[in-house]
Each structure stands twice: as structure tokens, then as C-alpha cells.
Amino acid sequence: MNRKVVKVNKHVVEIPEQSPWDSGFSIFKRRIGELMQLSGNDDSAIDDDDLIPYYRMGESETFVLSALGCTGY
């Protein structure tokens, strides 16, 4: 993991560099994948490009699963 080093009040502070979607988006993606597996759907066909627009619009997990054509959740 890349780290950014910054001096603050004569102290060196290391800040891990993250992409804007690392924390929230990765949790969203993982949760969608878990729900798809629980409902018997194949989550391997879904990639980031499919999910990012839903994440950016703040859509619910239920809406996303429905929009992706998943059944049984």
C-alpha cells in the first residue's frame, strides 16, 4: 500500500493513500456479492463498472439486486 508522508507540527505522519471508492464502495460491493451468493445467484459476472453508478446514486442493495435481475433475495 502506498503511503503519503506529511509533516505536522514537527511530527511525521503517514497517511495511507486510498482511491475515493476504497472504503464505502468496497463494503457496498462485498455486501451485494454476499446477498447474491445467499440467493443462489452468480456474483462473478458483476464487476465494478456495473456497480459504481448505483453506489454513486446511493441506491439500496435491494434496488441494485433487482436492477441486476437477481431473484430470490
C-alpha atoms as a PDB file:
ATOM      1  CA  MET A   1       0.000   0.000   0.000  1.00  0.00           C
ATOM      2  CA  ASN A   2       1.351   3.432  -0.893  1.00  0.00           C
ATOM      3  CA  ARG A   3       1.709   5.911   1.924  1.00  0.00           C
ATOM      4  CA  LYS A   4       1.874   9.672   1.888  1.00  0.00           C
ATOM      5  CA  VAL A   5       4.254  11.265   4.399  1.00  0.00           C
ATOM      6  CA  VAL A   6       3.271  14.657   5.828  1.00  0.00           C
ATOM      7  CA  LYS A   7       4.923  16.836   8.469  1.00  0.00           C
ATOM      8  CA  VAL A   8       2.509  18.166  11.088  1.00  0.00           C
ATOM      9  CA  ASN A   9       3.834  20.327  13.926  1.00  0.00           C
ATOM     10  CA  LYS A  10       7.342  18.854  13.540  1.00  0.00           C
ATOM     11  CA  HIS A  11       5.961  15.287  13.550  1.00  0.00           C
ATOM     12  CA  VAL A  12       5.965  12.991  10.571  1.00  0.00           C
ATOM     13  CA  VAL A  13       2.561  11.470   9.897  1.00  0.00           C
ATOM     14  CA  GLU A  14       1.985   8.661   7.406  1.00  0.00           C
ATOM     15  CA  ILE A  15      -1.337   8.643   5.612  1.00  0.00           C
ATOM     16  CA  PRO A  16      -2.288   5.572   3.560  1.00  0.00           C
ATOM     17  CA  GLU A  17      -3.303   6.561   0.061  1.00  0.00           C
ATOM     18  CA  GLN A  18      -6.713   5.268  -0.957  1.00  0.00           C
ATOM     19  CA  SER A  19      -8.807   5.685  -4.014  1.00  0.00           C
ATOM     20  CA  PRO A  20     -12.060   7.576  -3.425  1.00  0.00           C
ATOM     21  CA  TRP A  21     -14.092   4.373  -3.593  1.00  0.00           C
ATOM     22  CA  ASP A  22     -11.958   2.140  -1.339  1.00  0.00           C
ATOM     23  CA  SER A  23     -13.864   2.147   1.913  1.00  0.00           C
ATOM     24  CA  GLY A  24     -17.516   2.711   1.115  1.00  0.00           C
ATOM     25  CA  PHE A  25     -17.568   1.164  -2.337  1.00  0.00           C
ATOM     26  CA  SER A  26     -15.696  -1.983  -1.311  1.00  0.00           C
ATOM     27  CA  ILE A  27     -18.193  -2.554   1.512  1.00  0.00           C
ATOM     28  CA  PHE A  28     -21.105  -1.954  -0.877  1.00  0.00           C
ATOM     29  CA  LYS A  29     -19.624  -4.352  -3.449  1.00  0.00           C
ATOM     30  CA  ARG A  30     -18.938  -7.024  -0.833  1.00  0.00           C
ATOM     31  CA  ARG A  31     -22.491  -6.780   0.539  1.00  0.00           C
ATOM     32  CA  ILE A  32     -24.034  -7.068  -2.947  1.00  0.00           C
ATOM     33  CA  GLY A  33     -21.824 -10.112  -3.609  1.00  0.00           C
ATOM     34  CA  GLU A  34     -22.844 -11.729  -0.310  1.00  0.00           C
ATOM     35  CA  LEU A  35     -26.541 -11.192  -0.988  1.00  0.00           C
ATOM     36  CA  MET A  36     -26.204 -12.589  -4.492  1.00  0.00           C
ATOM     37  CA  GLN A  37     -24.498 -15.725  -3.171  1.00  0.00           C
ATOM     38  CA  LEU A  38     -27.103 -16.184  -0.450  1.00  0.00           C
ATOM     39  CA  SER A  39     -29.874 -16.007  -3.015  1.00  0.00           C
ATOM     40  CA  GLY A  40     -28.164 -18.510  -5.315  1.00  0.00           C
ATOM     41  CA  ASN A  41     -27.136 -16.019  -7.987  1.00  0.00           C
ATOM     42  CA  ASP A  42     -23.677 -15.992  -9.579  1.00  0.00           C
ATOM     43  CA  ASP A  43     -21.821 -12.882  -8.438  1.00  0.00           C
ATOM     44  CA  SER A  44     -18.799 -13.446 -10.707  1.00  0.00           C
ATOM     45  CA  ALA A  45     -20.477 -11.692 -13.652  1.00  0.00           C
ATOM     46  CA  ILE A  46     -20.805  -8.382 -11.781  1.00  0.00           C
ATOM     47  CA  ASP A  47     -17.853  -6.021 -11.950  1.00  0.00           C
ATOM     48  CA  ASP A  48     -17.041  -2.572 -10.582  1.00  0.00           C
ATOM     49  CA  ASP A  49     -18.239  -0.777 -13.711  1.00  0.00           C
ATOM     50  CA  ASP A  50     -21.702  -2.259 -13.178  1.00  0.00           C
ATOM     51  CA  LEU A  51     -21.905  -1.278  -9.515  1.00  0.00           C
ATOM     52  CA  ILE A  52     -20.254   2.159  -9.360  1.00  0.00           C
ATOM     53  CA  PRO A  53     -23.231   4.073 -10.859  1.00  0.00           C
ATOM     54  CA  TYR A  54     -25.591   2.525  -8.292  1.00  0.00           C
ATOM     55  CA  TYR A  55     -23.161   3.316  -5.477  1.00  0.00           C
ATOM     56  CA  ARG A  56     -22.743   6.923  -6.603  1.00  0.00           C
ATOM     57  CA  MET A  57     -26.524   7.408  -6.750  1.00  0.00           C
ATOM     58  CA  GLY A  58     -26.917   5.932  -3.255  1.00  0.00           C
ATOM     59  CA  GLU A  59     -29.208   3.127  -4.358  1.00  0.00           C
ATOM     60  CA  SER A  60     -30.199   0.469  -1.835  1.00  0.00           C
ATOM     61  CA  GLU A  61     -28.913  -3.084  -2.004  1.00  0.00           C
ATOM     62  CA  THR A  62     -32.428  -4.319  -2.778  1.00  0.00           C
ATOM     63  CA  PHE A  63     -32.759  -1.922  -5.699  1.00  0.00           C
ATOM     64  CA  VAL A  64     -29.355  -2.914  -7.093  1.00  0.00           C
ATOM     65  CA  LEU A  65     -30.126  -6.637  -6.875  1.00  0.00           C
ATOM     66  CA  SER A  66     -33.453  -6.072  -8.567  1.00  0.00           C
ATOM     67  CA  ALA A  67     -31.883  -3.923 -11.304  1.00  0.00           C
ATOM     68  CA  LEU A  68     -29.282  -6.625 -11.957  1.00  0.00           C
ATOM     69  CA  GLY A  69     -32.052  -9.186 -12.423  1.00  0.00           C
ATOM     70  CA  CYS A  70     -31.330 -11.184  -9.294  1.00  0.00           C
ATOM     71  CA  THR A  71     -34.157 -13.217  -7.834  1.00  0.00           C
ATOM     72  CA  GLY A  72     -34.781 -14.926  -4.539  1.00  0.00           C
ATOM     73  CA  TYR A  73     -33.269 -12.378  -2.149  1.00  0.00           C
END
